[in-house]
Amino acid sequence: MTLMPHAPIWISYAVWGCVAGGLLHIAAIMGMGGADWFDFLGAPPQYGEALRAGEWVEAVLITLGIAVILFIWAAYAFSARSRAKPLPLARFVCAAVAFIFLLRGAIGLGLLLYVIMLKGPTVMNVFHLGASVFILTLGLGFAAAFLRLRAPAISE
């Protein structure tokens, strides 16, 4: 019996989740939602304010950087999913990304549940709660990718 019999499904979820996240960031840059979309998606308030003031360079570059990182992470998860030779440092990258997503998801979930308990649910709280669960499950996908990439055998 394998450690994670459904690992390919979880890894595919991580691939497509990162691709969707990257495309969402690209869509925000393309002006599909403007500054209001940046605000809704949880970007720091100064980005929405800068976009409204016509100062878009920093917000666009940071958002583009996040999109590129998500696409690179998707490639690493895909590398673990495929039968081809994995990308360089695939095991390390998948472990690091799993850690980042699991930590972000767990902290976000804990903080949001605390805020909801104090103030009650709002549309934004529910959106960010869903986003935290989504990010947490992406972490599980990258953990599955890490486990699928076997450590190299130690030769004597």
C-alpha atoms as a PDB file:
ATOM      1  CA  MET A   1       0.000   0.000   0.000  1.00  0.00           C
ATOM      2  CA  THR A   2       1.387   3.396  -0.924  1.00  0.00           C
ATOM      3  CA  LEU A   3       1.617   6.319   1.451  1.00  0.00           C
ATOM      4  CA  MET A   4      -0.711   8.505  -0.630  1.00  0.00           C
ATOM      5  CA  PRO A   5      -2.717   6.486  -3.154  1.00  0.00           C
ATOM      6  CA  HIS A   6      -4.467   9.629  -4.417  1.00  0.00           C
ATOM      7  CA  ALA A   7      -1.272  11.686  -4.731  1.00  0.00           C
ATOM      8  CA  PRO A   8      -1.634  12.265  -8.501  1.00  0.00           C
ATOM      9  CA  ILE A   9      -5.059  13.856  -7.938  1.00  0.00           C
ATOM     10  CA  TRP A  10      -3.724  16.137  -5.187  1.00  0.00           C
ATOM     11  CA  ILE A  11      -0.707  17.072  -7.300  1.00  0.00           C
ATOM     12  CA  SER A  12      -2.926  17.868 -10.296  1.00  0.00           C
ATOM     13  CA  TYR A  13      -5.016  20.037  -7.982  1.00  0.00           C
ATOM     14  CA  ALA A  14      -1.842  21.897  -6.942  1.00  0.00           C
ATOM     15  CA  VAL A  15      -0.833  22.377 -10.593  1.00  0.00           C
ATOM     16  CA  TRP A  16      -4.198  23.748 -11.701  1.00  0.00           C
ATOM     17  CA  GLY A  17      -4.672  25.748  -8.505  1.00  0.00           C
ATOM     18  CA  CYS A  18      -1.382  27.563  -9.078  1.00  0.00           C
ATOM     19  CA  VAL A  19      -2.202  28.108 -12.751  1.00  0.00           C
ATOM     20  CA  ALA A  20      -5.611  29.541 -11.784  1.00  0.00           C
ATOM     21  CA  GLY A  21      -3.970  31.794  -9.185  1.00  0.00           C
ATOM     22  CA  GLY A  22      -1.431  33.021 -11.723  1.00  0.00           C
ATOM     23  CA  LEU A  23      -4.167  33.710 -14.273  1.00  0.00           C
ATOM     24  CA  LEU A  24      -6.194  35.560 -11.634  1.00  0.00           C
ATOM     25  CA  HIS A  25      -3.200  37.802 -10.954  1.00  0.00           C
ATOM     26  CA  ILE A  26      -2.717  38.384 -14.686  1.00  0.00           C
ATOM     27  CA  ALA A  27      -6.422  39.233 -15.035  1.00  0.00           C
ATOM     28  CA  ALA A  28      -6.082  41.787 -12.231  1.00  0.00           C
ATOM     29  CA  ILE A  29      -3.152  43.380 -14.059  1.00  0.00           C
ATOM     30  CA  MET A  30      -5.023  43.442 -17.364  1.00  0.00           C
ATOM     31  CA  GLY A  31      -7.529  45.807 -15.798  1.00  0.00           C
ATOM     32  CA  MET A  32     -10.420  43.401 -15.784  1.00  0.00           C
ATOM     33  CA  GLY A  33     -11.403  44.535 -12.305  1.00  0.00           C
ATOM     34  CA  GLY A  34      -9.323  47.627 -11.762  1.00  0.00           C
ATOM     35  CA  ALA A  35      -8.412  48.917  -8.330  1.00  0.00           C
ATOM     36  CA  ASP A  36     -11.625  47.555  -6.830  1.00  0.00           C
ATOM     37  CA  TRP A  37     -10.611  44.051  -7.858  1.00  0.00           C
ATOM     38  CA  PHE A  38      -7.194  44.471  -6.247  1.00  0.00           C
ATOM     39  CA  ASP A  39      -9.003  45.503  -3.057  1.00  0.00           C
ATOM     40  CA  PHE A  40     -11.477  42.614  -3.216  1.00  0.00           C
ATOM     41  CA  LEU A  41      -8.738  40.037  -3.795  1.00  0.00           C
ATOM     42  CA  GLY A  42      -6.921  41.153  -0.662  1.00  0.00           C
ATOM     43  CA  ALA A  43      -4.051  43.159  -2.119  1.00  0.00           C
ATOM     44  CA  PRO A  44      -2.509  45.654   0.305  1.00  0.00           C
ATOM     45  CA  PRO A  45      -4.637  48.836   0.386  1.00  0.00           C
ATOM     46  CA  GLN A  46      -1.794  50.992  -0.936  1.00  0.00           C
ATOM     47  CA  TYR A  47      -1.961  49.128  -4.281  1.00  0.00           C
ATOM     48  CA  GLY A  48      -5.607  49.962  -4.827  1.00  0.00           C
ATOM     49  CA  GLU A  49      -4.956  53.572  -3.828  1.00  0.00           C
ATOM     50  CA  ALA A  50      -1.955  53.786  -6.156  1.00  0.00           C
ATOM     51  CA  LEU A  51      -3.976  52.409  -9.066  1.00  0.00           C
ATOM     52  CA  ARG A  52      -6.728  54.941  -8.443  1.00  0.00           C
ATOM     53  CA  ALA A  53      -4.099  57.696  -8.458  1.00  0.00           C
ATOM     54  CA  GLY A  54      -2.697  56.453 -11.782  1.00  0.00           C
ATOM     55  CA  GLU A  55       0.523  55.105 -10.229  1.00  0.00           C
ATOM     56  CA  TRP A  56       0.424  51.513 -11.385  1.00  0.00           C
ATOM     57  CA  VAL A  57       4.050  50.420 -11.790  1.00  0.00           C
ATOM     58  CA  GLU A  58       4.693  48.991  -8.314  1.00  0.00           C
ATOM     59  CA  ALA A  59       1.324  47.234  -8.029  1.00  0.00           C
ATOM     60  CA  VAL A  60       1.644  45.741 -11.509  1.00  0.00           C
ATOM     61  CA  LEU A  61       5.240  44.566 -11.016  1.00  0.00           C
ATOM     62  CA  ILE A  62       4.492  42.932  -7.645  1.00  0.00           C
ATOM     63  CA  THR A  63       1.358  41.272  -9.023  1.00  0.00           C
ATOM     64  CA  LEU A  64       3.202  40.086 -12.125  1.00  0.00           C
ATOM     65  CA  GLY A  65       5.963  38.705  -9.888  1.00  0.00           C
ATOM     66  CA  ILE A  66       3.401  36.747  -7.861  1.00  0.00           C
ATOM     67  CA  ALA A  67       1.879  35.367 -11.082  1.00  0.00           C
ATOM     68  CA  VAL A  68       5.293  34.251 -12.366  1.00  0.00           C
ATOM     69  CA  ILE A  69       6.086  32.556  -9.048  1.00  0.00           C
ATOM     70  CA  LEU A  70       2.752  30.713  -9.130  1.00  0.00           C
ATOM     71  CA  PHE A  71       3.419  29.529 -12.702  1.00  0.00           C
ATOM     72  CA  ILE A  72       6.899  28.312 -11.703  1.00  0.00           C
ATOM     73  CA  TRP A  73       5.441  26.465  -8.728  1.00  0.00           C
ATOM     74  CA  ALA A  74       2.842  24.890 -11.035  1.00  0.00           C
ATOM     75  CA  ALA A  75       5.691  23.665 -13.257  1.00  0.00           C
ATOM     76  CA  TYR A  76       7.387  22.049 -10.247  1.00  0.00           C
ATOM     77  CA  ALA A  77       4.180  20.314  -9.176  1.00  0.00           C
ATOM     78  CA  PHE A  78       3.643  19.159 -12.767  1.00  0.00           C
ATOM     79  CA  SER A  79       7.210  17.876 -12.762  1.00  0.00           C
ATOM     80  CA  ALA A  80       6.379  15.720  -9.740  1.00  0.00           C
ATOM     81  CA  ARG A  81       3.160  14.539 -11.407  1.00  0.00           C
ATOM     82  CA  SER A  82       4.704  13.512 -14.710  1.00  0.00           C
ATOM     83  CA  ARG A  83       6.855  10.520 -15.468  1.00  0.00           C
ATOM     84  CA  ALA A  84       9.577  12.681 -16.964  1.00  0.00           C
ATOM     85  CA  LYS A  85      12.700  13.601 -15.068  1.00  0.00           C
ATOM     86  CA  PRO A  86      11.801  16.145 -12.341  1.00  0.00           C
ATOM     87  CA  LEU A  87      12.989  19.741 -12.501  1.00  0.00           C
ATOM     88  CA  PRO A  88      16.174  20.610 -10.566  1.00  0.00           C
ATOM     89  CA  LEU A  89      15.622  20.802  -6.814  1.00  0.00           C
ATOM     90  CA  ALA A  90      12.040  19.577  -7.276  1.00  0.00           C
ATOM     91  CA  ARG A  91      11.896  17.823  -3.909  1.00  0.00           C
ATOM     92  CA  PHE A  92      13.193  20.896  -2.067  1.00  0.00           C
ATOM     93  CA  VAL A  93      10.920  23.317  -3.954  1.00  0.00           C
ATOM     94  CA  CYS A  94       7.827  21.173  -3.408  1.00  0.00           C
ATOM     95  CA  ALA A  95       8.624  20.893   0.310  1.00  0.00           C
ATOM     96  CA  ALA A  96       9.197  24.654   0.606  1.00  0.00           C
ATOM     97  CA  VAL A  97       6.010  25.506  -1.292  1.00  0.00           C
ATOM     98  CA  ALA A  98       4.017  22.996   0.773  1.00  0.00           C
ATOM     99  CA  PHE A  99       5.358  24.629   3.936  1.00  0.00           C
ATOM    100  CA  ILE A 100       4.507  28.148   2.673  1.00  0.00           C
ATOM    101  CA  PHE A 101       0.974  27.215   1.600  1.00  0.00           C
ATOM    102  CA  LEU A 102       0.222  25.120   4.689  1.00  0.00           C
ATOM    103  CA  LEU A 103       1.506  27.841   7.011  1.00  0.00           C
ATOM    104  CA  ARG A 104      -0.360  30.632   5.161  1.00  0.00           C
ATOM    105  CA  GLY A 105      -3.547  28.577   5.038  1.00  0.00           C
ATOM    106  CA  ALA A 106      -3.418  27.591   8.704  1.00  0.00           C
ATOM    107  CA  ILE A 107      -2.608  31.100   9.946  1.00  0.00           C
ATOM    108  CA  GLY A 108      -5.217  32.671   7.674  1.00  0.00           C
ATOM    109  CA  LEU A 109      -7.827  30.155   8.752  1.00  0.00           C
ATOM    110  CA  GLY A 110      -7.085  30.671  12.435  1.00  0.00           C
ATOM    111  CA  LEU A 111      -7.126  34.462  12.225  1.00  0.00           C
ATOM    112  CA  LEU A 112     -10.295  34.566  10.146  1.00  0.00           C
ATOM    113  CA  LEU A 113     -12.156  32.190  12.434  1.00  0.00           C
ATOM    114  CA  TYR A 114     -11.127  34.395  15.367  1.00  0.00           C
ATOM    115  CA  VAL A 115     -12.350  37.556  13.586  1.00  0.00           C
ATOM    116  CA  ILE A 116     -15.608  35.854  12.591  1.00  0.00           C
ATOM    117  CA  MET A 117     -16.156  34.775  16.199  1.00  0.00           C
ATOM    118  CA  LEU A 118     -15.601  38.353  17.403  1.00  0.00           C
ATOM    119  CA  LYS A 119     -17.440  40.336  14.734  1.00  0.00           C
ATOM    120  CA  GLY A 120     -19.607  37.823  12.891  1.00  0.00           C
ATOM    121  CA  PRO A 121     -19.351  36.774   9.251  1.00  0.00           C
ATOM    122  CA  THR A 122     -19.116  39.315   6.449  1.00  0.00           C
ATOM    123  CA  VAL A 123     -18.807  38.797   2.700  1.00  0.00           C
ATOM    124  CA  MET A 124     -15.062  39.566   2.836  1.00  0.00           C
ATOM    125  CA  ASN A 125     -14.511  37.218   5.782  1.00  0.00           C
ATOM    126  CA  VAL A 126     -16.255  34.398   3.969  1.00  0.00           C
ATOM    127  CA  PHE A 127     -14.229  35.085   0.782  1.00  0.00           C
ATOM    128  CA  HIS A 128     -10.928  35.085   2.684  1.00  0.00           C
ATOM    129  CA  LEU A 129     -12.000  32.007   4.648  1.00  0.00           C
ATOM    130  CA  GLY A 130     -12.567  30.186   1.351  1.00  0.00           C
ATOM    131  CA  ALA A 131      -9.229  31.468   0.035  1.00  0.00           C
ATOM    132  CA  SER A 132      -7.441  30.190   3.155  1.00  0.00           C
ATOM    133  CA  VAL A 133      -8.996  26.740   2.776  1.00  0.00           C
ATOM    134  CA  PHE A 134      -8.027  26.754  -0.923  1.00  0.00           C
ATOM    135  CA  ILE A 135      -4.428  27.696  -0.053  1.00  0.00           C
ATOM    136  CA  LEU A 136      -4.299  25.065   2.668  1.00  0.00           C
ATOM    137  CA  THR A 137      -5.377  22.382   0.190  1.00  0.00           C
ATOM    138  CA  LEU A 138      -2.760  23.606  -2.298  1.00  0.00           C
ATOM    139  CA  GLY A 139      -0.250  22.948   0.470  1.00  0.00           C
ATOM    140  CA  LEU A 140      -1.537  19.378   0.710  1.00  0.00           C
ATOM    141  CA  GLY A 141      -1.045  19.020  -3.052  1.00  0.00           C
ATOM    142  CA  PHE A 142       2.559  20.155  -2.799  1.00  0.00           C
ATOM    143  CA  ALA A 143       3.089  17.861   0.197  1.00  0.00           C
ATOM    144  CA  ALA A 144       1.867  15.003  -2.011  1.00  0.00           C
ATOM    145  CA  ALA A 145       4.315  16.134  -4.714  1.00  0.00           C
ATOM    146  CA  PHE A 146       7.136  16.140  -2.164  1.00  0.00           C
ATOM    147  CA  LEU A 147       6.241  12.626  -1.028  1.00  0.00           C
ATOM    148  CA  ARG A 148       5.996  11.375  -4.602  1.00  0.00           C
ATOM    149  CA  LEU A 149       9.503  12.612  -5.383  1.00  0.00           C
ATOM    150  CA  ARG A 150      11.574   9.999  -3.670  1.00  0.00           C
ATOM    151  CA  ALA A 151      14.783  10.957  -2.008  1.00  0.00           C
ATOM    152  CA  PRO A 152      17.797   9.721  -3.945  1.00  0.00           C
ATOM    153  CA  ALA A 153      19.203   6.451  -2.701  1.00  0.00           C
ATOM    154  CA  ILE A 154      22.367   6.785  -0.657  1.00  0.00           C
ATOM    155  CA  SER A 155      25.133   4.827  -2.328  1.00  0.00           C
ATOM    156  CA  GLU A 156      27.735   3.204  -0.187  1.00  0.00           C
END
